[in-house]
Protein backbone atom coordinates (compact mmCIF):
# COMPACT_ATOMS: atom_id res chain seq x y z
CA MET A 1 0.00 0.00 0.00
CA THR A 2 1.32 3.44 -0.94
CA GLU A 3 2.20 5.55 2.07
CA GLN A 4 -0.17 8.49 2.50
CA ARG A 5 1.59 11.74 3.29
CA PRO A 6 0.01 15.04 4.39
CA TYR A 7 -0.06 17.95 1.99
CA THR A 8 -1.39 21.49 1.87
CA TYR A 9 -2.42 23.51 -1.16
CA THR A 10 -3.56 26.98 -2.13
CA ILE A 11 -5.42 28.25 -5.19
CA LEU A 12 -4.16 31.13 -7.32
CA ARG A 13 -7.03 33.42 -8.32
CA TYR A 14 -7.17 36.05 -11.02
CA VAL A 15 -9.28 38.91 -9.65
CA HIS A 16 -10.45 40.90 -12.65
CA ASP A 17 -12.34 43.54 -10.67
CA PRO A 18 -11.34 43.67 -6.98
CA ARG A 19 -14.30 45.91 -6.07
CA ALA A 20 -16.84 43.64 -7.72
CA GLY A 21 -15.14 40.41 -6.67
CA GLU A 22 -15.08 38.96 -10.18
CA MET A 23 -12.48 36.19 -10.23
CA LEU A 24 -11.43 32.87 -11.72
CA ASN A 25 -9.12 30.17 -10.37
CA VAL A 26 -5.95 30.06 -12.49
CA GLY A 27 -3.47 27.89 -10.63
CA ILE A 28 -2.64 25.46 -7.82
CA VAL A 29 0.41 25.22 -5.54
CA LEU A 30 0.87 22.04 -3.47
CA HIS A 31 3.36 21.39 -0.65
CA THR A 32 4.35 18.04 0.83
CA PRO A 33 6.52 18.73 3.89
CA SER A 34 7.72 15.14 4.31
CA ASP A 35 9.74 15.26 1.08
CA HIS A 36 10.24 19.05 0.97
CA ARG A 37 8.44 19.49 -2.35
CA LEU A 38 6.58 22.56 -3.59
CA LEU A 39 4.71 21.98 -6.86
CA VAL A 40 2.96 24.52 -9.09
CA ARG A 41 0.51 24.25 -11.99
CA THR A 42 -0.91 27.38 -13.64
CA ARG A 43 -2.91 28.09 -16.79
CA ASN A 44 -0.81 28.28 -19.95
CA THR A 45 -3.69 29.61 -22.07
CA PHE A 46 -6.05 32.53 -21.52
CA GLY A 47 -9.11 31.57 -23.59
CA ARG A 48 -11.33 30.64 -20.64
CA VAL A 49 -10.36 33.80 -18.75
CA LYS A 50 -10.87 35.93 -21.86
CA ASP A 51 -14.36 34.43 -22.32
CA ALA A 52 -15.27 35.53 -18.81
CA PHE A 53 -13.57 38.93 -19.02
CA PRO A 54 -13.53 40.16 -22.65
CA ASP A 55 -11.28 43.15 -21.91
CA LEU A 56 -8.48 40.92 -20.55
CA ASP A 57 -4.99 41.53 -21.96
CA GLY A 58 -4.30 37.90 -22.83
CA GLU A 59 -0.57 38.22 -23.49
CA ALA A 60 -0.04 40.11 -20.23
CA PHE A 61 -1.96 37.35 -18.44
CA LYS A 62 0.30 34.66 -19.93
CA ARG A 63 3.39 36.60 -18.88
CA ALA A 64 2.02 36.87 -15.36
CA MET A 65 1.45 33.10 -15.21
CA ARG A 66 5.01 32.42 -16.36
CA ALA A 67 6.31 34.83 -13.72
CA VAL A 68 4.36 32.99 -11.03
CA ASP A 69 5.78 29.65 -12.20
CA ARG A 70 9.33 30.98 -12.02
CA ALA A 71 8.82 32.53 -8.58
CA ILE A 72 7.31 29.36 -7.11
CA GLU A 73 10.03 27.20 -8.66
CA ALA A 74 12.68 29.45 -7.07
CA VAL A 75 11.08 29.02 -3.65
CA ALA A 76 10.83 25.26 -4.29
CA LYS A 77 14.54 25.12 -5.06
CA ASP A 78 15.43 26.93 -1.84
CA LEU A 79 13.06 24.68 0.10
CA ALA A 80 14.67 21.51 -1.24
CA ALA A 81 18.14 22.86 -0.44
CA THR A 82 17.47 23.92 3.17
CA THR A 83 14.58 21.62 4.27
CA LEU A 84 14.66 23.15 7.76
CA LEU A 85 11.39 25.08 7.49
CA SER A 86 9.55 22.67 5.24
CA GLY A 87 7.55 21.09 8.03
CA GLN A 88 6.76 24.41 9.70
CA LEU A 89 5.26 26.22 6.68
CA ASP A 90 2.18 25.39 4.65
CA ALA A 91 1.55 26.02 0.95
CA ALA A 92 0.02 29.45 1.57
CA ALA A 93 2.99 30.68 3.61
CA LEU A 94 5.45 29.44 0.99
CA THR A 95 3.57 31.00 -1.92
CA ARG A 96 3.57 34.36 -0.16
CA LYS A 97 7.37 34.21 -0.31
CA ALA A 98 7.05 34.05 -4.09
CA LEU A 99 4.09 36.39 -4.53
CA PRO A 100 3.40 38.55 -1.45
CA GLU A 101 -0.17 39.53 -0.66
CA ASP A 102 -1.15 42.91 -2.10
CA ASP A 103 -4.01 44.47 -4.04
CA SER A 104 -2.92 43.11 -7.43
CA ALA A 105 -5.05 40.95 -9.72
CA LEU A 106 -3.40 37.71 -8.51
CA GLN A 107 -4.46 36.51 -5.07
CA TRP A 108 -3.98 33.31 -3.04
CA SER A 109 -6.86 31.45 -1.41
CA VAL A 110 -6.94 30.14 2.13
CA VAL A 111 -5.00 26.91 2.57
CA GLY A 112 -6.51 23.44 2.03
CA SER A 113 -5.08 20.08 3.09
CA GLY A 114 -5.26 16.33 2.62
CA LEU A 115 -3.31 13.10 2.28
CA THR A 116 -1.60 11.85 -0.85
CA GLY A 117 0.44 8.91 -2.06
CA ASP A 118 1.39 10.72 -5.27
CA ALA A 119 1.88 14.48 -5.03
CA ASP A 120 2.13 15.01 -8.79
CA ALA A 121 -1.15 13.16 -9.42
CA THR A 122 -2.87 15.06 -6.61
CA LEU A 123 -1.70 18.37 -8.05
CA GLU A 124 -3.14 17.42 -11.44
CA ARG A 125 -6.43 16.27 -9.88
CA LEU A 126 -6.81 19.53 -7.95
CA PHE A 127 -6.00 21.55 -11.05
CA GLU A 128 -8.63 19.70 -13.09
CA ARG A 129 -11.28 20.04 -10.38
CA LEU A 130 -10.64 23.59 -9.19
CA VAL A 131 -9.22 25.34 -12.27
CA ARG A 132 -10.18 23.55 -15.48
CA ARG A 133 -13.61 22.19 -14.54
CA ASN A 134 -15.53 24.80 -16.52
CA ASP A 135 -13.24 25.04 -19.55
CA ASP A 136 -15.43 22.87 -21.75
CA ARG A 137 -18.53 24.92 -21.09
CA THR A 138 -19.49 27.35 -23.82
CA LEU A 139 -21.55 29.47 -21.45
CA ARG A 140 -20.07 32.94 -21.04
CA ARG A 141 -20.77 34.75 -17.81
CA ARG A 142 -22.13 38.28 -18.07
CA VAL A 143 -20.19 41.19 -16.62
CA ASP A 144 -21.71 44.17 -14.80
CA GLU A 145 -21.91 46.40 -17.85
CA GLU A 146 -24.02 43.80 -19.65
CA VAL A 147 -26.59 44.04 -16.86
CA TRP A 148 -26.69 47.82 -17.39
CA ARG A 149 -27.04 47.57 -21.18
CA PRO A 150 -30.83 46.87 -21.25
CA VAL A 151 -31.43 49.95 -19.09
CA ARG A 152 -29.35 52.11 -21.40
CA GLU A 153 -31.06 50.73 -24.51
CA ARG A 154 -34.60 51.21 -23.16
CA LEU A 155 -33.82 54.78 -22.16
CA ALA A 156 -32.56 55.42 -25.70
CA GLU A 157 -35.64 53.81 -27.24
CA ARG A 158 -37.86 56.20 -25.25
CA HIS A 159 -35.63 59.17 -26.09
CA ILE A 160 -35.01 59.83 -22.42
CA GLN A 161 -31.91 61.97 -21.91
CA VAL A 162 -30.54 61.34 -18.43
CA PRO A 163 -27.58 63.52 -17.36
CA PHE A 164 -25.60 60.64 -15.89
CA GLU A 165 -22.28 61.39 -14.24
CA GLU A 166 -19.94 59.78 -11.75
CA LYS A 167 -20.74 60.18 -8.08
CA VAL A 168 -18.27 59.49 -5.28
CA VAL A 169 -19.87 58.44 -1.99
CA ALA A 170 -17.27 58.90 0.73
CA GLY A 171 -17.29 57.86 4.36
CA ASP A 172 -14.59 58.20 7.00
CA LEU A 173 -12.96 54.89 6.06
CA ASP A 174 -13.63 54.35 2.37
CA SER A 175 -15.28 55.69 -0.76
CA ILE A 176 -17.19 54.22 -3.71
CA THR A 177 -17.30 55.70 -7.20
CA PHE A 178 -20.60 55.04 -8.95
CA LYS A 179 -20.68 55.56 -12.75
CA HIS A 180 -24.40 56.09 -13.31
CA ALA A 181 -25.81 58.91 -11.18
CA TRP A 182 -27.80 62.12 -11.64
CA ARG A 183 -29.10 64.74 -9.22
CA ASN A 184 -32.62 66.05 -8.76
CA GLY A 185 -32.74 67.39 -5.22
CA GLN A 186 -31.13 64.11 -4.24
CA TRP A 187 -28.69 61.84 -6.02
CA HIS A 188 -30.20 58.94 -7.97
CA ILE A 189 -27.55 56.24 -8.29
CA TYR A 190 -27.86 53.07 -10.40
CA GLU A 191 -25.31 50.27 -9.99
CA PRO A 192 -25.44 47.11 -12.14
CA VAL A 193 -24.13 43.96 -10.45
CA SER A 194 -23.82 40.71 -12.37
CA LEU A 195 -24.30 37.65 -10.19
CA ASP A 196 -24.01 35.45 -13.28
CA LEU A 197 -21.04 33.61 -11.80
CA ALA A 198 -19.75 30.06 -11.97
CA ASP A 199 -20.74 28.84 -8.52
CA ARG A 200 -22.42 29.66 -5.20
CA ASP A 201 -19.17 30.79 -3.58
CA GLY A 202 -18.57 33.32 -6.33
CA ILE A 203 -22.06 34.76 -5.91
CA MET A 204 -21.75 35.03 -2.15
CA ASP A 205 -18.19 36.43 -2.27
CA LYS A 206 -19.25 39.21 -4.64
CA THR A 207 -22.33 39.97 -2.55
CA ARG A 208 -20.36 40.13 0.71
CA ARG A 209 -17.76 42.35 -0.92
CA TRP A 210 -20.45 44.85 -1.89
CA LEU A 211 -21.97 44.69 1.61
CA GLY A 212 -18.55 45.51 3.03
CA HIS A 213 -18.13 48.49 0.69
CA LEU A 214 -21.53 49.86 1.69
CA ALA A 215 -20.85 49.37 5.39
CA ALA A 216 -17.61 51.33 5.03
CA VAL A 217 -19.44 54.40 3.64
CA ARG A 218 -22.61 54.25 5.71
CA ASP A 219 -21.52 57.42 7.56
CA ALA A 220 -21.31 59.39 4.28
CA THR A 221 -22.55 62.96 4.51
CA GLY A 222 -23.62 65.46 1.89
CA ASP A 223 -26.57 65.47 -0.49
CA PRO A 224 -29.17 62.78 0.17
CA LEU A 225 -29.05 59.84 -2.21
CA LYS A 226 -31.20 57.00 -3.46
CA LEU A 227 -29.18 53.95 -4.40
CA HIS A 228 -30.50 51.32 -6.83
CA PHE A 229 -28.80 47.97 -7.43
CA ILE A 230 -29.73 46.23 -10.70
CA LEU A 231 -28.93 42.56 -10.17
CA GLY A 232 -28.18 40.12 -12.99
CA ALA A 233 -29.21 36.53 -12.23
CA PRO A 234 -27.04 33.46 -12.95
CA GLN A 235 -27.81 31.50 -16.11
CA ASP A 236 -27.34 28.20 -14.25
CA PRO A 237 -30.72 27.27 -12.65
CA SER A 238 -28.98 25.33 -9.87
CA LEU A 239 -27.56 28.64 -8.57
CA GLN A 240 -30.99 30.22 -8.10
CA PRO A 241 -31.05 29.63 -4.29
CA ALA A 242 -27.69 31.39 -3.92
CA TYR A 243 -28.93 34.26 -6.08
CA GLU A 244 -32.11 34.63 -4.02
CA ARG A 245 -30.06 34.76 -0.84
CA ALA A 246 -27.85 37.43 -2.41
CA VAL A 247 -30.92 39.49 -3.34
CA ALA A 248 -32.14 39.31 0.26
CA LEU A 249 -28.75 40.45 1.55
CA PHE A 250 -28.61 43.39 -0.86
CA ARG A 251 -32.07 44.50 0.30
CA LYS A 252 -30.80 44.69 3.90
CA ALA A 253 -27.52 46.46 3.06
CA ASP A 254 -26.36 49.79 4.42
CA LEU A 255 -27.59 52.94 2.59
CA HIS A 256 -30.95 51.15 2.15
CA PRO A 257 -30.65 50.37 -1.56
CA GLU A 258 -33.58 49.55 -3.77
CA VAL A 259 -32.99 46.20 -5.50
CA ILE A 260 -34.15 45.77 -9.09
CA GLU A 261 -34.08 42.38 -10.74
CA GLU A 262 -33.86 42.05 -14.51
CA GLY A 263 -37.56 41.36 -14.92
CA GLU A 264 -38.24 44.76 -13.34
CA ILE A 265 -36.10 46.86 -15.70
CA ASP A 266 -39.09 48.21 -17.65
CA THR A 267 -40.62 49.44 -14.39
CA LEU A 268 -37.31 51.06 -13.44
CA VAL A 269 -37.02 52.83 -16.80
CA GLY A 270 -40.58 54.11 -16.45
CA GLN A 271 -39.71 55.44 -13.01
CA ILE A 272 -36.62 57.21 -14.37
CA GLU A 273 -38.69 58.67 -17.21
CA ASP A 274 -41.24 60.10 -14.75
CA GLU A 275 -38.48 61.60 -12.61
CA ILE A 276 -36.72 63.15 -15.61
CA ARG A 277 -39.97 64.67 -16.94
CA ALA A 278 -40.78 66.11 -13.52
CA HIS A 279 -37.24 67.47 -13.22
CA ASN A 280 -37.39 69.09 -16.67
CA ALA A 281 -40.82 70.59 -15.98
CA GLU A 282 -39.61 72.04 -12.70
CA ALA A 283 -36.52 73.48 -14.39
CA ALA A 284 -38.65 75.03 -17.16
CA ALA A 285 -41.02 76.56 -14.62
CA GLY A 286 -38.06 78.02 -12.74
CA ASN A 287 -36.95 79.80 -15.89
């Protein structure tokens, strides 16, 4: 019987939009302390990532993956030569020596662990399950701007001119820049959020990230505002329960946002049209 040895691993994630939490798994690093090995496997193509994030610079992504490989391999070489700290450090601690934690697009997950009789085979199995599992799917996930597009198109169809501009909502600890806002006594802010993600964890991670942003600016002062979140649902029916939970969490978020689901976009556009007409009439009367 093959001896089973403990191992730890960490997942390398490409975070396309840190604020929105849009990410894909792009690599695995595995450490077996008993034989002082540190193994790495990263994506060598960018097609899947480009499908998810059309504005990705594919060649820059490939260069980044090669740089990660070289950095991990350098740490692995040092580890094999010294061996003293191999049993005291897990995969996450070792990878941070190669790629320290910062706010860049490449981030390490929390550490996982298990037992293996073949570290190379386990690395490949983890890579297939956690990184390549969705590569054969033709379904492309929608990004935030695609959730906003139907609103923009319906406004254009009705010839409604909305003076949208950026609005920064700032609290003591943080600030958020919203791209679609206009003022009529108060600020009307519209933020599209695509929850059309690959799995439940992705949906909940993005939702919690937004809740954290809103909590950090809940003490914002200045003109009153009305915040609207337009949520895009996942295409995978099995993720509907996670989406519904996310909707409920958004409804209870700080700043008391109004949540609009995609089936309610026509109602939202009608509401905007009424507000714009009232605003224009008031401005004309003032003149």
